Amino acid sequence: MPSGQQERAQASAITPGRHYPGEEPTPAQTVRTLFGGHRLSPAQRRIAQYITDHLTEAAFLSITELAERVGVSQPSVTRFATSLGFSGFPALREALQPIALSAVAGTPDMRREDRRNELQAAVDVEIANLESLRRVFADTDQVLDVGRELARSVPLTVLGLRISVSLAEYFAYAARRIHPDVRLVSRGGSVANDALLQSREAGGSWVLAFAMPRHANETLAAMRAARSTGLRVALITDLTLGPLVEEADIAFTAGTGSRLVFDSYAAPGVLTAAILQAMADADPERTQLRLEKYEQAAEQHDFFLEH
């Protein structure tokens, strides 16, 4: 089958998005299904969101016009189309036009409802991620074992680069309340290599690494550098396979929400807090002593607002 015909057949075979049984999917649901199941960059998600929100207009724009509306380059639009399996933007536009024509009769209220439900759909994805994590927590042995190992590693190194810095900073901030020496590595390259080597020479045995999409080459390089020094690596990521998981001594997987322009991290956040809990439980006397000292310092220096 020629490429254009194959793409048209693909578009006509779209599985309906979320809707009640027996109801026809709305045009917006059909478009979201077309875009779903693909790992899109933030720029590509902006394109997808613009097309969804302005379907009846966007389906008839030129590549130049669409790029200008969204605020991205024309090559970004082309890469977006090819990431969905189309040969280019013209083929994607051809698939979108019959969906757009079916939406012409839709009212503004219906379009606002579709937009509202897109945000609800993002929450639904995170609920599913948390349900999956809950099933993983049915057996807590692995989390408890890693918590004990991280608690014993002095110093303990925490690695998080690019978008993963936020989770690494949260973990390091909390871990310092219960652990005597936590070192955060948030820059890659030789800076990370130096920090990892110093941690190992100071007696550290473990690194806790965070790797969220889009996964950085620097993270893989830093994990390999850690292993080369003799450090062991525990990894929190959304992946179940691949070089990052293969490089780790132990890996925990928690799904990320990808329905919005930027990923959301409900399940990775809960997993991170669970490992902190396991660390605290691994040495309860040290935990209690350090928490009490911290509360005394917080009161003495007036760290927090009183409620």
Protein backbone atom coordinates (compact mmCIF):
# COMPACT_ATOMS: atom_id res chain seq x y z
CA MET A 1 0.00 0.00 0.00
CA PRO A 2 1.43 3.45 -0.90
CA SER A 3 2.55 5.56 2.05
CA GLY A 4 -0.25 8.13 1.75
CA GLN A 5 -2.95 5.46 1.55
CA GLN A 6 -1.45 3.62 4.49
CA GLU A 7 -1.53 6.79 6.60
CA ARG A 8 -5.14 7.50 5.60
CA ALA A 9 -6.05 3.93 6.59
CA GLN A 10 -4.24 4.47 9.88
CA ALA A 11 -6.25 7.63 10.52
CA SER A 12 -9.54 5.95 9.69
CA ALA A 13 -8.77 3.09 12.07
CA ILE A 14 -8.21 5.34 15.09
CA THR A 15 -9.48 3.78 18.29
CA PRO A 16 -11.94 6.13 20.01
CA GLY A 17 -10.72 8.03 23.07
CA ARG A 18 -12.31 7.82 26.49
CA HIS A 19 -16.07 8.11 26.25
CA TYR A 20 -19.12 6.34 27.53
CA PRO A 21 -19.99 2.99 25.94
CA GLY A 22 -22.38 3.40 23.04
CA GLU A 23 -21.44 7.04 22.45
CA GLU A 24 -19.43 8.32 19.53
CA PRO A 25 -16.11 9.88 20.54
CA THR A 26 -15.93 13.64 20.21
CA PRO A 27 -13.52 15.07 17.61
CA ALA A 28 -11.20 16.19 20.38
CA GLN A 29 -11.16 12.67 21.85
CA THR A 30 -10.36 11.25 18.42
CA VAL A 31 -7.46 13.67 17.99
CA ARG A 32 -6.12 12.91 21.47
CA THR A 33 -6.21 9.21 20.61
CA LEU A 34 -4.26 9.94 17.44
CA PHE A 35 -1.59 11.70 19.50
CA GLY A 36 -1.67 9.24 22.40
CA GLY A 37 0.81 6.44 22.89
CA HIS A 38 3.76 8.49 21.63
CA ARG A 39 6.57 9.98 23.70
CA LEU A 40 6.42 13.65 22.70
CA SER A 41 8.85 16.40 23.63
CA PRO A 42 7.48 19.54 25.36
CA ALA A 43 7.56 21.42 22.04
CA GLN A 44 5.67 18.59 20.35
CA ARG A 45 3.09 18.56 23.14
CA ARG A 46 2.51 22.27 22.55
CA ILE A 47 1.79 21.48 18.90
CA ALA A 48 -0.54 18.65 19.88
CA GLN A 49 -2.37 20.83 22.38
CA TYR A 50 -2.77 23.67 19.89
CA ILE A 51 -4.19 21.32 17.26
CA THR A 52 -6.59 19.81 19.81
CA ASP A 53 -7.76 23.23 21.04
CA HIS A 54 -8.03 24.79 17.54
CA LEU A 55 -8.83 21.72 15.49
CA THR A 56 -11.17 23.29 12.91
CA GLU A 57 -8.55 25.92 12.10
CA ALA A 58 -5.30 23.99 12.58
CA ALA A 59 -6.28 21.15 10.23
CA PHE A 60 -6.28 23.59 7.30
CA LEU A 61 -3.16 25.63 8.08
CA SER A 62 0.09 25.43 6.17
CA ILE A 63 3.16 24.22 8.03
CA THR A 64 4.42 27.83 8.17
CA GLU A 65 1.14 29.10 9.62
CA LEU A 66 0.93 26.35 12.22
CA ALA A 67 4.53 26.89 13.31
CA GLU A 68 3.84 30.61 13.75
CA ARG A 69 0.62 30.00 15.71
CA VAL A 70 2.32 27.60 18.12
CA GLY A 71 5.60 29.51 18.31
CA VAL A 72 7.85 26.68 17.11
CA SER A 73 10.01 26.12 14.03
CA GLN A 74 8.79 24.43 10.86
CA PRO A 75 11.21 21.52 11.37
CA SER A 76 9.60 21.00 14.80
CA VAL A 77 6.21 20.57 13.12
CA THR A 78 7.70 18.10 10.65
CA ARG A 79 9.34 16.10 13.44
CA PHE A 80 6.03 16.10 15.31
CA ALA A 81 4.25 14.59 12.30
CA THR A 82 6.91 11.95 11.71
CA SER A 83 6.94 11.01 15.42
CA LEU A 84 3.27 10.05 14.98
CA GLY A 85 4.14 7.77 12.06
CA PHE A 86 3.28 10.10 9.17
CA SER A 87 5.63 10.89 6.29
CA GLY A 88 5.34 14.61 7.02
CA PHE A 89 2.97 17.39 7.98
CA PRO A 90 0.85 17.22 4.78
CA ALA A 91 -0.03 13.59 5.55
CA LEU A 92 -0.93 14.46 9.15
CA ARG A 93 -3.05 17.39 7.97
CA GLU A 94 -4.88 15.10 5.56
CA ALA A 95 -5.73 12.79 8.46
CA LEU A 96 -6.90 15.70 10.62
CA GLN A 97 -9.18 17.39 8.09
CA PRO A 98 -12.10 14.90 8.16
CA ILE A 99 -12.02 15.00 11.96
CA ALA A 100 -12.07 18.80 11.85
CA LEU A 101 -15.01 18.83 9.46
CA SER A 102 -16.96 16.63 11.85
CA ALA A 103 -16.28 19.17 14.59
CA VAL A 104 -17.62 22.16 12.68
CA ALA A 105 -21.09 21.63 14.15
CA GLY A 106 -19.71 21.51 17.70
CA THR A 107 -20.59 24.37 20.03
CA PRO A 108 -18.10 26.49 22.05
CA ASP A 109 -19.47 24.88 25.20
CA MET A 110 -18.57 21.46 23.86
CA ARG A 111 -15.03 22.62 23.02
CA ARG A 112 -14.59 24.02 26.53
CA GLU A 113 -15.81 20.71 27.95
CA ASP A 114 -13.23 18.84 25.86
CA ARG A 115 -10.51 21.12 27.23
CA ARG A 116 -11.69 20.60 30.80
CA ASN A 117 -11.70 16.86 30.29
CA GLU A 118 -8.15 16.97 28.93
CA LEU A 119 -7.01 18.19 32.34
CA GLN A 120 -9.09 15.51 34.03
CA ALA A 121 -7.50 12.95 31.73
CA ALA A 122 -4.08 14.05 32.97
CA VAL A 123 -5.23 13.34 36.53
CA ASP A 124 -6.64 9.96 35.43
CA VAL A 125 -3.21 8.99 34.07
CA GLU A 126 -1.59 9.81 37.40
CA ILE A 127 -4.23 7.82 39.29
CA ALA A 128 -3.40 4.82 37.11
CA ASN A 129 0.33 5.35 37.80
CA LEU A 130 -0.33 5.41 41.54
CA GLU A 131 -2.48 2.28 41.33
CA SER A 132 0.38 0.52 39.55
CA LEU A 133 2.82 1.66 42.24
CA ARG A 134 0.44 0.45 44.93
CA ARG A 135 0.59 -3.04 43.42
CA VAL A 136 4.39 -2.85 43.46
CA PHE A 137 4.29 -1.95 47.15
CA ALA A 138 2.43 -5.18 47.92
CA ASP A 139 5.96 -6.58 48.44
CA THR A 140 8.00 -4.01 50.37
CA ASP A 141 11.18 -6.08 50.73
CA GLN A 142 13.05 -4.42 47.87
CA VAL A 143 12.28 -0.90 49.06
CA LEU A 144 13.23 -1.76 52.64
CA ASP A 145 16.48 -3.39 51.52
CA VAL A 146 17.51 -0.37 49.48
CA GLY A 147 16.54 1.96 52.32
CA ARG A 148 18.93 0.08 54.61
CA GLU A 149 21.75 0.23 52.07
CA LEU A 150 21.31 3.96 51.45
CA ALA A 151 21.16 4.65 55.17
CA ARG A 152 24.51 2.85 55.67
CA SER A 153 26.24 4.71 52.84
CA VAL A 154 28.16 7.62 54.36
CA PRO A 155 28.34 9.80 52.39
CA LEU A 156 25.22 9.14 50.32
CA THR A 157 25.25 10.65 46.84
CA VAL A 158 22.05 11.71 45.08
CA LEU A 159 22.22 12.21 41.30
CA GLY A 160 19.65 14.17 39.29
CA LEU A 161 20.37 16.06 36.07
CA ARG A 162 18.23 18.34 33.91
CA ILE A 163 14.50 17.77 34.54
CA SER A 164 15.29 15.16 37.21
CA VAL A 165 16.91 17.77 39.46
CA SER A 166 13.59 18.56 41.15
CA LEU A 167 13.10 15.02 42.47
CA ALA A 168 16.76 14.69 43.45
CA GLU A 169 16.63 17.98 45.36
CA TYR A 170 13.51 16.90 47.22
CA PHE A 171 15.11 13.62 48.22
CA ALA A 172 18.40 15.23 49.25
CA TYR A 173 16.65 17.95 51.27
CA ALA A 174 14.62 15.42 53.24
CA ALA A 175 17.42 12.86 53.54
CA ARG A 176 19.68 15.43 55.20
CA ARG A 177 17.24 15.51 58.11
CA ILE A 178 17.90 11.82 58.86
CA HIS A 179 21.35 11.11 57.33
CA PRO A 180 24.68 12.67 58.36
CA ASP A 181 26.21 13.26 54.91
CA VAL A 182 24.07 13.63 51.77
CA ARG A 183 25.73 14.99 48.63
CA LEU A 184 23.63 16.22 45.72
CA VAL A 185 25.06 16.02 42.19
CA SER A 186 22.99 18.15 39.82
CA ARG A 187 25.60 18.96 37.14
CA GLY A 188 26.92 16.47 34.64
CA GLY A 189 30.25 15.98 32.93
CA SER A 190 33.54 16.31 34.80
CA VAL A 191 31.78 18.06 37.73
CA ALA A 192 29.70 14.93 38.34
CA ASN A 193 32.73 12.67 37.89
CA ASP A 194 34.72 14.63 40.49
CA ALA A 195 31.84 14.54 42.99
CA LEU A 196 31.32 10.81 42.54
CA LEU A 197 35.01 10.05 42.96
CA GLN A 198 35.19 12.19 46.10
CA SER A 199 32.14 10.44 47.52
CA ARG A 200 33.69 7.03 46.97
CA GLU A 201 37.04 8.10 48.45
CA ALA A 202 35.19 9.45 51.51
CA GLY A 203 33.72 6.00 52.13
CA GLY A 204 30.40 6.17 50.26
CA SER A 205 29.02 2.97 48.79
CA TRP A 206 25.77 3.99 47.04
CA VAL A 207 24.35 6.55 44.62
CA LEU A 208 20.62 7.14 44.26
CA ALA A 209 19.98 8.36 40.70
CA PHE A 210 16.83 9.88 39.22
CA ALA A 211 16.17 9.62 35.47
CA MET A 212 12.91 11.09 34.22
CA PRO A 213 12.00 11.81 30.58
CA ARG A 214 13.58 13.13 28.52
CA HIS A 215 16.41 10.91 29.68
CA ALA A 216 19.78 12.64 29.53
CA ASN A 217 22.93 11.14 28.06
CA GLU A 218 24.73 12.85 30.94
CA THR A 219 22.80 10.71 33.43
CA LEU A 220 23.94 7.49 31.78
CA ALA A 221 27.53 8.76 31.68
CA ALA A 222 27.40 9.72 35.37
CA MET A 223 25.99 6.31 36.34
CA ARG A 224 28.79 4.60 34.45
CA ALA A 225 31.31 6.88 36.15
CA ALA A 226 29.84 5.97 39.54
CA ARG A 227 30.11 2.26 38.79
CA SER A 228 33.72 2.70 37.63
CA THR A 229 34.66 4.16 41.03
CA GLY A 230 33.12 1.21 42.87
CA LEU A 231 29.87 2.91 43.86
CA ARG A 232 26.63 0.95 43.51
CA VAL A 233 23.67 2.64 41.83
CA ALA A 234 19.99 2.59 42.75
CA LEU A 235 17.79 4.14 40.06
CA ILE A 236 14.33 5.71 40.12
CA THR A 237 12.96 6.06 36.60
CA ASP A 238 9.90 5.56 34.44
CA LEU A 239 11.68 2.90 32.37
CA THR A 240 11.60 -0.88 32.68
CA LEU A 241 14.25 -1.58 30.00
CA GLY A 242 17.14 0.19 28.36
CA PRO A 243 20.73 1.24 29.09
CA LEU A 244 19.88 3.25 32.21
CA VAL A 245 18.17 0.28 33.84
CA GLU A 246 20.94 -2.07 32.70
CA GLU A 247 23.59 0.19 34.28
CA ALA A 248 21.84 0.26 37.68
CA ASP A 249 22.38 -2.29 40.43
CA ILE A 250 18.72 -1.95 41.30
CA ALA A 251 15.96 -0.01 39.54
CA PHE A 252 12.53 1.15 40.66
CA THR A 253 9.98 2.05 38.01
CA ALA A 254 7.23 4.63 38.50
CA GLY A 255 5.18 5.97 35.60
CA THR A 256 5.08 9.66 34.77
CA GLY A 257 2.07 11.65 33.55
CA SER A 258 2.59 12.77 29.97
CA ARG A 259 -0.78 14.31 29.05
CA LEU A 260 0.36 17.90 29.72
CA VAL A 261 3.13 19.95 28.12
CA PHE A 262 5.53 18.88 30.87
CA ASP A 263 5.52 15.54 32.67
CA SER A 264 3.99 15.23 36.13
CA TYR A 265 5.52 13.03 38.81
CA ALA A 266 2.89 11.81 41.26
CA ALA A 267 4.09 8.18 41.34
CA PRO A 268 7.85 8.97 41.32
CA GLY A 269 7.22 11.42 44.17
CA VAL A 270 5.47 8.78 46.28
CA LEU A 271 8.21 6.24 45.50
CA THR A 272 10.85 8.77 46.55
CA ALA A 273 9.05 9.40 49.86
CA ALA A 274 8.75 5.63 50.42
CA ILE A 275 12.51 5.18 50.08
CA LEU A 276 13.04 8.04 52.54
CA GLN A 277 10.70 6.23 54.92
CA ALA A 278 12.71 3.03 54.51
CA MET A 279 15.91 4.93 55.25
CA ALA A 280 14.38 6.44 58.38
CA ASP A 281 13.20 3.03 59.60
CA ALA A 282 16.58 1.43 58.91
CA ASP A 283 18.23 3.37 61.76
CA PRO A 284 15.43 4.60 64.04
CA GLU A 285 17.71 5.86 66.80
CA ARG A 286 19.77 8.01 64.46
CA THR A 287 16.60 9.21 62.76
CA GLN A 288 14.97 10.24 66.01
CA LEU A 289 18.10 12.00 67.27
CA ARG A 290 18.62 13.95 64.06
CA LEU A 291 14.95 14.93 63.75
CA GLU A 292 14.91 16.19 67.34
CA LYS A 293 18.05 18.25 66.77
CA TYR A 294 16.57 19.69 63.60
CA GLU A 295 13.35 20.68 65.37
CA GLN A 296 15.39 22.37 68.10
CA ALA A 297 17.34 24.33 65.47
CA ALA A 298 14.14 25.21 63.62
CA GLU A 299 12.60 26.58 66.79
CA GLN A 300 15.76 28.43 67.83
CA HIS A 301 16.23 30.13 64.46
CA ASP A 302 12.52 30.59 63.69
CA PHE A 303 12.58 28.67 60.41
CA PHE A 304 8.84 28.36 59.97
CA LEU A 305 5.62 30.30 60.30
CA GLU A 306 3.46 29.46 63.27
CA HIS A 307 -0.13 28.30 62.57
